[in-house]
């Protein structure tokens, strides 16, 4: 059976995503499982806010969307500062929770 996480990873691959920044946990584990067989490089962070800022920095340097991943609840809210910063600086960041 094809999982939503598998479809998401394939869609990201088809759009040229080659790196994500994030922290595995709880509800996002199926997504990390789908990344196992992917060519997308995963860079683990110590805090979700760090992941969002890293994704923005990646977007600035590479000129394409950066991807930040966090689990639900507090993990998702910790992304907010970096997401708002990216929005204010007009940088393309995709946040997945």
C-alpha atoms as a PDB file:
ATOM      1  CA  UNK A   1       0.000   0.000   0.000  1.00  0.00           C
ATOM      2  CA  UNK A   2       1.271   3.467  -0.888  1.00  0.00           C
ATOM      3  CA  UNK A   3       1.408   5.836   2.060  1.00  0.00           C
ATOM      4  CA  UNK A   4       0.894   9.602   1.949  1.00  0.00           C
ATOM      5  CA  UNK A   5       4.475   9.987   3.190  1.00  0.00           C
ATOM      6  CA  UNK A   6       5.767   8.039   0.165  1.00  0.00           C
ATOM      7  CA  UNK A   7       3.784  10.258  -2.199  1.00  0.00           C
ATOM      8  CA  UNK A   8       5.112  13.397  -0.492  1.00  0.00           C
ATOM      9  CA  UNK A   9       8.726  12.228  -0.773  1.00  0.00           C
ATOM     10  CA  UNK A  10       8.289  11.320  -4.462  1.00  0.00           C
ATOM     11  CA  UNK A  11       6.706  14.731  -5.129  1.00  0.00           C
ATOM     12  CA  UNK A  12       9.601  16.489  -3.424  1.00  0.00           C
ATOM     13  CA  UNK A  13      12.118  14.451  -5.434  1.00  0.00           C
ATOM     14  CA  UNK A  14      10.316  15.321  -8.671  1.00  0.00           C
ATOM     15  CA  UNK A  15      10.615  19.028  -7.814  1.00  0.00           C
ATOM     16  CA  UNK A  16      14.345  18.802  -7.174  1.00  0.00           C
ATOM     17  CA  UNK A  17      14.404  18.825  -3.381  1.00  0.00           C
ATOM     18  CA  UNK A  18      17.751  17.362  -2.386  1.00  0.00           C
ATOM     19  CA  UNK A  19      18.040  18.249   1.310  1.00  0.00           C
ATOM     20  CA  UNK A  20      15.728  18.728   4.293  1.00  0.00           C
ATOM     21  CA  UNK A  21      16.373  20.074   7.778  1.00  0.00           C
ATOM     22  CA  UNK A  22      14.487  18.768  10.782  1.00  0.00           C
ATOM     23  CA  UNK A  23      13.957  16.620  13.835  1.00  0.00           C
ATOM     24  CA  UNK A  24      12.230  13.222  13.759  1.00  0.00           C
ATOM     25  CA  UNK A  25       9.506  12.568  16.268  1.00  0.00           C
ATOM     26  CA  UNK A  26       6.094  11.063  16.892  1.00  0.00           C
ATOM     27  CA  UNK A  27       3.702  11.929  14.104  1.00  0.00           C
ATOM     28  CA  UNK A  28       6.366  12.680  11.467  1.00  0.00           C
ATOM     29  CA  UNK A  29       8.115   9.284  11.694  1.00  0.00           C
ATOM     30  CA  UNK A  30       6.317   7.811   8.640  1.00  0.00           C
ATOM     31  CA  UNK A  31       7.771  10.682   6.593  1.00  0.00           C
ATOM     32  CA  UNK A  32      11.288   9.940   7.846  1.00  0.00           C
ATOM     33  CA  UNK A  33      10.699   6.259   7.086  1.00  0.00           C
ATOM     34  CA  UNK A  34       9.790   7.182   3.493  1.00  0.00           C
ATOM     35  CA  UNK A  35      13.007   9.215   3.230  1.00  0.00           C
ATOM     36  CA  UNK A  36      15.085   6.106   3.978  1.00  0.00           C
ATOM     37  CA  UNK A  37      15.055   4.907   0.358  1.00  0.00           C
ATOM     38  CA  UNK A  38      15.169   8.429  -1.071  1.00  0.00           C
ATOM     39  CA  UNK A  39      18.070  10.442  -2.467  1.00  0.00           C
ATOM     40  CA  UNK A  40      17.008  13.393  -0.321  1.00  0.00           C
ATOM     41  CA  UNK A  41      19.674  14.176   2.266  1.00  0.00           C
ATOM     42  CA  UNK A  42      18.431  14.671   5.821  1.00  0.00           C
ATOM     43  CA  UNK A  43      20.246  17.085   8.101  1.00  0.00           C
ATOM     44  CA  UNK A  44      19.207  16.606  11.722  1.00  0.00           C
ATOM     45  CA  UNK A  45      18.880  19.688  13.889  1.00  0.00           C
ATOM     46  CA  UNK A  46      18.841  20.154  17.652  1.00  0.00           C
ATOM     47  CA  UNK A  47      15.787  22.445  17.628  1.00  0.00           C
ATOM     48  CA  UNK A  48      12.908  23.031  15.230  1.00  0.00           C
ATOM     49  CA  UNK A  49      13.584  26.769  15.046  1.00  0.00           C
ATOM     50  CA  UNK A  50      17.096  25.952  13.887  1.00  0.00           C
ATOM     51  CA  UNK A  51      15.591  23.772  11.129  1.00  0.00           C
ATOM     52  CA  UNK A  52      13.431  26.635   9.864  1.00  0.00           C
ATOM     53  CA  UNK A  53      16.360  29.066   9.837  1.00  0.00           C
ATOM     54  CA  UNK A  54      18.581  26.502   8.096  1.00  0.00           C
ATOM     55  CA  UNK A  55      15.886  25.994   5.449  1.00  0.00           C
ATOM     56  CA  UNK A  56      15.740  29.757   4.911  1.00  0.00           C
ATOM     57  CA  UNK A  57      19.514  29.990   4.626  1.00  0.00           C
ATOM     58  CA  UNK A  58      19.467  27.143   2.112  1.00  0.00           C
ATOM     59  CA  UNK A  59      16.782  28.968   0.102  1.00  0.00           C
ATOM     60  CA  UNK A  60      18.852  32.173   0.079  1.00  0.00           C
ATOM     61  CA  UNK A  61      21.996  30.435  -1.125  1.00  0.00           C
ATOM     62  CA  UNK A  62      20.501  27.931  -3.575  1.00  0.00           C
ATOM     63  CA  UNK A  63      17.638  30.048  -4.914  1.00  0.00           C
ATOM     64  CA  UNK A  64      15.097  27.266  -4.451  1.00  0.00           C
ATOM     65  CA  UNK A  65      12.796  26.242  -1.589  1.00  0.00           C
ATOM     66  CA  UNK A  66      14.298  25.048   1.670  1.00  0.00           C
ATOM     67  CA  UNK A  67      12.415  22.359   3.593  1.00  0.00           C
ATOM     68  CA  UNK A  68      11.988  22.271   7.383  1.00  0.00           C
ATOM     69  CA  UNK A  69      10.404  19.256   9.097  1.00  0.00           C
ATOM     70  CA  UNK A  70       9.052  18.991  12.648  1.00  0.00           C
ATOM     71  CA  UNK A  71       6.643  16.836  14.562  1.00  0.00           C
ATOM     72  CA  UNK A  72       3.196  18.111  15.544  1.00  0.00           C
ATOM     73  CA  UNK A  73       2.337  20.216  18.574  1.00  0.00           C
ATOM     74  CA  UNK A  74       5.241  22.090  20.157  1.00  0.00           C
ATOM     75  CA  UNK A  75       7.550  20.978  17.344  1.00  0.00           C
ATOM     76  CA  UNK A  76       5.344  22.735  14.814  1.00  0.00           C
ATOM     77  CA  UNK A  77       5.046  25.910  16.872  1.00  0.00           C
ATOM     78  CA  UNK A  78       8.828  26.058  17.208  1.00  0.00           C
ATOM     79  CA  UNK A  79       9.023  26.459  13.418  1.00  0.00           C
ATOM     80  CA  UNK A  80       6.981  29.671  13.472  1.00  0.00           C
ATOM     81  CA  UNK A  81       9.789  32.192  14.061  1.00  0.00           C
ATOM     82  CA  UNK A  82      11.839  30.849  11.160  1.00  0.00           C
ATOM     83  CA  UNK A  83       8.816  30.620   8.872  1.00  0.00           C
ATOM     84  CA  UNK A  84       7.805  34.226   9.590  1.00  0.00           C
ATOM     85  CA  UNK A  85      11.386  35.371   9.080  1.00  0.00           C
ATOM     86  CA  UNK A  86      11.469  33.605   5.699  1.00  0.00           C
ATOM     87  CA  UNK A  87       8.131  35.182   4.762  1.00  0.00           C
ATOM     88  CA  UNK A  88       9.312  38.683   5.691  1.00  0.00           C
ATOM     89  CA  UNK A  89      12.483  38.168   3.641  1.00  0.00           C
ATOM     90  CA  UNK A  90      10.545  36.645   0.707  1.00  0.00           C
ATOM     91  CA  UNK A  91      12.426  33.347   0.908  1.00  0.00           C
ATOM     92  CA  UNK A  92      10.688  30.119  -0.176  1.00  0.00           C
ATOM     93  CA  UNK A  93      10.479  27.714   2.767  1.00  0.00           C
ATOM     94  CA  UNK A  94       8.306  24.606   2.956  1.00  0.00           C
ATOM     95  CA  UNK A  95       7.387  23.515   6.481  1.00  0.00           C
ATOM     96  CA  UNK A  96       6.166  19.955   6.983  1.00  0.00           C
ATOM     97  CA  UNK A  97       4.599  18.780  10.251  1.00  0.00           C
END
